[in-house]
């Protein structure tokens, strides 16, 4: 058994550009950082015998990257018929307008401000471009506009930042809410138990081969952090920054600003439920 198989979600290994499933190809953006891990995964998704493809999260406004996405699709014998956004953070969506110019495709998103065209995205929508079936799954929590896309034919779900290929994501307070995020994780868990989803195609990090294991890890991690925050408050650490210094002492300090957003969301959740 490989070391990767022991990690939550069984990550596939190094993050690389190229095919991940029969219908999904990754083009890795050149924007690695502590927050974006190896960079943003831009996904080209299409039926193998179709000449039309859908792109999910064109990524940052990087001309070279956007053109590589187009070139990759062309090498596969496809043109981009539609662009979708999992959410509006710049590392996923900043390049969308320029990408739409390059591909003459519309951009669909939950947030009307991010759309280019008349159609948005909503729970229950099914994308059928080029014979593809992508089901829209609302997953607010990381942000209020976060979506995932269920790819039934590959037993996969494209998760944006809701589930990452490595580590855990933040709840971007105040736009993101912990209660919403926990509900979204449970919604994804139902895809793994009821709808045959076994693969996570994340917005950052490697592909995960054990979708259910990844979701269960995320739920357990959130429960553990919530208990730690509650205990920290009971011990007199009353502000978000004090809680971060206490609970996240073993975490790289460059990640503390993001951790503070999650802590603020956790404090709101605890107050709403009368736990502090």
Protein backbone atom coordinates (compact mmCIF):
# COMPACT_ATOMS: atom_id res chain seq x y z
CA UNK A 1 0.00 0.00 0.00
CA UNK A 2 1.37 3.43 -0.93
CA UNK A 3 1.68 6.30 1.53
CA UNK A 4 -0.94 8.18 -0.51
CA UNK A 5 -3.45 5.40 0.16
CA UNK A 6 -3.09 6.11 3.90
CA UNK A 7 -3.95 9.80 3.50
CA UNK A 8 -7.52 11.16 3.67
CA UNK A 9 -9.24 10.61 0.34
CA UNK A 10 -6.33 8.61 -1.10
CA UNK A 11 -4.68 11.38 -3.18
CA UNK A 12 -3.45 10.17 -6.53
CA UNK A 13 0.02 11.72 -6.21
CA UNK A 14 1.67 14.71 -7.81
CA UNK A 15 -0.56 17.34 -9.36
CA UNK A 16 -0.03 17.34 -13.11
CA UNK A 17 -1.72 18.62 -16.21
CA UNK A 18 -3.40 15.84 -18.17
CA UNK A 19 -6.25 13.34 -18.13
CA UNK A 20 -7.75 12.50 -14.74
CA UNK A 21 -10.82 10.50 -15.80
CA UNK A 22 -12.32 9.44 -19.12
CA UNK A 23 -14.00 12.84 -19.43
CA UNK A 24 -11.90 15.26 -17.35
CA UNK A 25 -8.51 16.77 -18.20
CA UNK A 26 -6.61 19.10 -15.88
CA UNK A 27 -4.60 22.15 -16.94
CA UNK A 28 -2.66 23.36 -13.89
CA UNK A 29 -2.38 27.13 -13.57
CA UNK A 30 1.03 28.63 -12.67
CA UNK A 31 -0.16 30.26 -9.43
CA UNK A 32 1.15 28.07 -6.60
CA UNK A 33 1.01 29.48 -3.07
CA UNK A 34 0.21 28.50 0.50
CA UNK A 35 -3.46 29.16 -0.25
CA UNK A 36 -3.66 27.66 -3.77
CA UNK A 37 -1.36 24.67 -3.10
CA UNK A 38 0.17 23.59 -6.46
CA UNK A 39 -1.99 26.11 -8.32
CA UNK A 40 -5.54 26.23 -9.63
CA UNK A 41 -6.82 23.14 -11.43
CA UNK A 42 -8.67 24.22 -14.57
CA UNK A 43 -10.84 21.34 -15.75
CA UNK A 44 -11.74 20.54 -19.36
CA UNK A 45 -14.70 18.17 -19.32
CA UNK A 46 -16.22 16.51 -22.39
CA UNK A 47 -17.70 13.33 -23.78
CA UNK A 48 -14.91 11.38 -25.51
CA UNK A 49 -16.69 11.36 -28.89
CA UNK A 50 -17.87 15.00 -28.78
CA UNK A 51 -16.17 18.00 -30.35
CA UNK A 52 -17.56 20.31 -27.64
CA UNK A 53 -16.05 20.75 -24.18
CA UNK A 54 -16.93 22.55 -20.95
CA UNK A 55 -14.26 24.35 -18.93
CA UNK A 56 -14.66 24.64 -15.17
CA UNK A 57 -12.73 27.48 -13.47
CA UNK A 58 -10.46 29.06 -16.10
CA UNK A 59 -8.37 30.36 -13.22
CA UNK A 60 -6.32 33.53 -12.79
CA UNK A 61 -5.94 36.25 -15.39
CA UNK A 62 -2.81 34.70 -16.87
CA UNK A 63 -2.73 34.91 -20.67
CA UNK A 64 -0.35 31.99 -21.04
CA UNK A 65 -2.48 29.72 -18.88
CA UNK A 66 -5.74 30.66 -20.61
CA UNK A 67 -4.21 29.99 -24.01
CA UNK A 68 -2.83 26.65 -22.79
CA UNK A 69 -6.35 25.63 -21.81
CA UNK A 70 -7.59 26.46 -25.31
CA UNK A 71 -4.64 24.67 -26.93
CA UNK A 72 -5.14 21.59 -24.77
CA UNK A 73 -8.78 21.39 -25.83
CA UNK A 74 -7.83 21.82 -29.47
CA UNK A 75 -5.27 19.01 -29.23
CA UNK A 76 -8.10 16.83 -27.94
CA UNK A 77 -10.12 17.76 -31.02
CA UNK A 78 -12.53 19.95 -29.08
CA UNK A 79 -13.63 23.55 -28.84
CA UNK A 80 -14.91 25.23 -25.70
CA UNK A 81 -18.69 25.53 -25.77
CA UNK A 82 -19.26 26.72 -22.20
CA UNK A 83 -17.38 28.04 -19.17
CA UNK A 84 -18.55 27.30 -15.61
CA UNK A 85 -17.40 28.75 -12.30
CA UNK A 86 -17.42 26.95 -8.96
CA UNK A 87 -17.24 30.32 -7.16
CA UNK A 88 -15.95 33.83 -7.58
CA UNK A 89 -12.55 33.85 -5.89
CA UNK A 90 -9.94 35.36 -8.25
CA UNK A 91 -7.75 32.26 -8.44
CA UNK A 92 -10.73 30.48 -10.04
CA UNK A 93 -12.65 33.21 -11.82
CA UNK A 94 -10.44 36.23 -12.57
CA UNK A 95 -9.56 34.95 -16.03
CA UNK A 96 -13.16 34.17 -17.01
CA UNK A 97 -13.84 37.34 -19.03
CA UNK A 98 -10.65 37.03 -21.04
CA UNK A 99 -11.23 33.30 -21.49
CA UNK A 100 -14.72 34.01 -22.83
CA UNK A 101 -13.15 36.38 -25.36
CA UNK A 102 -10.66 33.72 -26.47
CA UNK A 103 -13.27 30.98 -26.79
CA UNK A 104 -16.42 32.99 -27.58
CA UNK A 105 -18.14 30.97 -24.87
CA UNK A 106 -20.66 32.12 -22.28
CA UNK A 107 -19.84 32.01 -18.57
CA UNK A 108 -22.35 30.53 -16.16
CA UNK A 109 -22.10 30.99 -12.40
CA UNK A 110 -24.35 31.23 -9.38
CA UNK A 111 -23.41 34.87 -8.78
CA UNK A 112 -25.04 37.08 -11.46
CA UNK A 113 -22.05 39.44 -11.32
CA UNK A 114 -19.82 36.68 -12.71
CA UNK A 115 -22.01 35.63 -15.61
CA UNK A 116 -21.43 36.44 -19.26
CA UNK A 117 -24.67 35.56 -21.01
CA UNK A 118 -28.28 35.18 -19.99
CA UNK A 119 -28.08 31.91 -18.05
CA UNK A 120 -26.93 31.36 -14.50
CA UNK A 121 -26.63 28.20 -12.47
CA UNK A 122 -28.97 26.82 -9.82
CA UNK A 123 -29.57 23.67 -7.83
CA UNK A 124 -30.91 20.89 -10.02
CA UNK A 125 -29.56 22.32 -13.28
CA UNK A 126 -28.05 19.77 -15.65
CA UNK A 127 -25.40 20.83 -18.17
CA UNK A 128 -25.70 18.89 -21.43
CA UNK A 129 -23.15 20.60 -23.71
CA UNK A 130 -21.89 18.15 -26.33
CA UNK A 131 -23.91 15.32 -24.81
CA UNK A 132 -22.14 15.72 -21.47
CA UNK A 133 -24.09 15.35 -18.25
CA UNK A 134 -22.96 17.63 -15.41
CA UNK A 135 -25.29 18.11 -12.46
CA UNK A 136 -25.13 21.33 -10.46
CA UNK A 137 -24.77 20.72 -6.71
CA UNK A 138 -25.15 23.78 -4.42
CA UNK A 139 -22.41 23.70 -1.78
CA UNK A 140 -22.31 27.06 0.04
CA UNK A 141 -19.99 27.44 2.99
CA UNK A 142 -16.51 28.16 1.69
CA UNK A 143 -18.30 31.07 0.00
CA UNK A 144 -22.00 31.76 -0.37
CA UNK A 145 -21.80 31.16 -4.15
CA UNK A 146 -19.86 27.87 -4.06
CA UNK A 147 -21.03 25.08 -6.38
CA UNK A 148 -19.84 21.58 -7.18
CA UNK A 149 -20.46 19.66 -10.40
CA UNK A 150 -21.40 15.99 -10.38
CA UNK A 151 -20.07 14.03 -13.37
CA UNK A 152 -22.11 10.80 -13.13
CA UNK A 153 -20.51 8.99 -16.08
CA UNK A 154 -17.12 9.08 -14.35
CA UNK A 155 -18.38 8.65 -10.78
CA UNK A 156 -16.73 11.98 -10.03
CA UNK A 157 -17.48 15.35 -8.49
CA UNK A 158 -15.65 18.59 -9.27
CA UNK A 159 -15.47 20.40 -5.95
CA UNK A 160 -13.74 23.74 -6.47
CA UNK A 161 -12.58 24.78 -2.99
CA UNK A 162 -15.27 22.88 -1.07
CA UNK A 163 -12.95 19.86 -0.86
CA UNK A 164 -9.26 20.20 -1.70
CA UNK A 165 -6.87 17.52 -2.81
CA UNK A 166 -4.64 18.17 0.18
CA UNK A 167 -5.34 19.69 3.58
CA UNK A 168 -8.64 21.40 4.36
CA UNK A 169 -10.36 24.52 3.11
CA UNK A 170 -11.36 27.67 4.95
CA UNK A 171 -14.82 29.03 5.60
CA UNK A 172 -14.42 32.56 4.23
CA UNK A 173 -16.27 34.55 6.91
CA UNK A 174 -18.50 36.55 6.73
CA UNK A 175 -19.58 35.44 3.25
CA UNK A 176 -18.99 31.79 4.12
CA UNK A 177 -20.96 30.22 6.97
CA UNK A 178 -20.01 27.09 8.89
CA UNK A 179 -23.56 25.74 9.15
CA UNK A 180 -23.91 25.98 5.37
CA UNK A 181 -20.54 24.31 4.90
CA UNK A 182 -21.41 21.35 7.13
CA UNK A 183 -24.69 20.91 5.22
CA UNK A 184 -22.74 21.00 1.95
CA UNK A 185 -20.33 18.31 3.14
CA UNK A 186 -23.29 16.12 4.08
CA UNK A 187 -24.77 16.75 0.64
CA UNK A 188 -21.51 15.56 -0.94
CA UNK A 189 -21.46 12.54 1.35
CA UNK A 190 -24.86 11.56 -0.01
CA UNK A 191 -23.38 11.59 -3.52
CA UNK A 192 -20.79 9.05 -2.37
CA UNK A 193 -23.31 6.79 -0.63
CA UNK A 194 -26.30 7.10 -2.95
CA UNK A 195 -25.01 8.20 -6.37
CA UNK A 196 -21.81 6.25 -6.93
CA UNK A 197 -19.33 9.11 -6.60
CA UNK A 198 -15.86 7.78 -5.81
CA UNK A 199 -13.50 10.41 -7.26
CA UNK A 200 -12.94 14.04 -6.25
CA UNK A 201 -11.60 16.42 -8.90
CA UNK A 202 -10.64 19.38 -6.70
CA UNK A 203 -9.90 23.01 -7.48
CA UNK A 204 -6.45 22.63 -5.92
CA UNK A 205 -4.25 19.66 -5.16
CA UNK A 206 -4.25 16.07 -6.42
CA UNK A 207 -7.21 13.98 -7.51
CA UNK A 208 -8.73 11.98 -4.63
CA UNK A 209 -9.61 8.35 -5.26
CA UNK A 210 -11.75 7.92 -2.11
CA UNK A 211 -14.45 10.59 -2.19
CA UNK A 212 -16.35 9.21 0.80
CA UNK A 213 -13.17 9.02 2.88
CA UNK A 214 -12.37 12.63 2.00
CA UNK A 215 -15.83 13.86 3.02
CA UNK A 216 -15.75 11.92 6.28
CA UNK A 217 -12.31 13.35 7.05
CA UNK A 218 -13.56 16.88 6.42
CA UNK A 219 -16.59 16.38 8.68
CA UNK A 220 -14.45 14.92 11.46
CA UNK A 221 -11.90 17.71 11.10
CA UNK A 222 -14.59 20.38 11.38
CA UNK A 223 -16.10 18.72 14.45
CA UNK A 224 -12.66 18.56 16.08
CA UNK A 225 -11.82 22.18 15.31
CA UNK A 226 -15.22 23.33 16.56
CA UNK A 227 -14.66 21.52 19.86
CA UNK A 228 -11.19 23.08 20.15
CA UNK A 229 -12.57 26.57 19.54
CA UNK A 230 -15.33 26.04 22.11
CA UNK A 231 -12.77 24.89 24.69
CA UNK A 232 -10.49 27.82 23.89
CA UNK A 233 -13.32 30.28 24.54
CA UNK A 234 -14.18 28.53 27.80
CA UNK A 235 -10.52 28.97 28.81
CA UNK A 236 -10.64 32.72 28.24
CA UNK A 237 -9.46 33.10 24.63
CA UNK A 238 -12.26 35.41 23.62
CA UNK A 239 -11.19 37.04 20.33
CA UNK A 240 -10.70 35.31 17.00
CA UNK A 241 -7.01 36.16 16.94
CA UNK A 242 -6.54 34.73 20.46
CA UNK A 243 -8.33 31.53 19.45
CA UNK A 244 -6.16 31.18 16.33
CA UNK A 245 -2.94 31.58 18.33
CA UNK A 246 -4.14 28.91 20.75
CA UNK A 247 -5.84 26.37 18.44
CA UNK A 248 -3.66 26.80 15.33
CA UNK A 249 -0.32 27.09 17.12
CA UNK A 250 1.08 24.17 15.10
CA UNK A 251 -0.04 25.65 11.75
CA UNK A 252 2.24 27.73 9.51
CA UNK A 253 1.70 31.37 10.52
CA UNK A 254 1.29 32.36 6.87
CA UNK A 255 -2.04 30.53 7.05
CA UNK A 256 -3.24 32.26 10.21
CA UNK A 257 -5.20 35.00 8.37
CA UNK A 258 -7.22 32.31 6.59
CA UNK A 259 -7.56 30.38 9.83
CA UNK A 260 -8.95 33.50 11.50
CA UNK A 261 -11.72 33.68 8.91
CA UNK A 262 -12.66 30.09 9.69
CA UNK A 263 -12.50 30.79 13.44
CA UNK A 264 -14.83 33.76 13.06
CA UNK A 265 -17.26 31.47 11.23
CA UNK A 266 -16.93 28.90 14.00
CA UNK A 267 -17.55 31.49 16.71
CA UNK A 268 -20.68 32.65 14.89
CA UNK A 269 -21.85 29.04 14.66
CA UNK A 270 -21.26 28.41 18.38
CA UNK A 271 -23.14 31.60 19.30
CA UNK A 272 -26.04 30.78 17.00
CA UNK A 273 -26.40 27.39 18.66
CA UNK A 274 -26.05 28.76 22.19
CA UNK A 275 -22.82 26.90 22.86
CA UNK A 276 -20.80 29.93 23.97
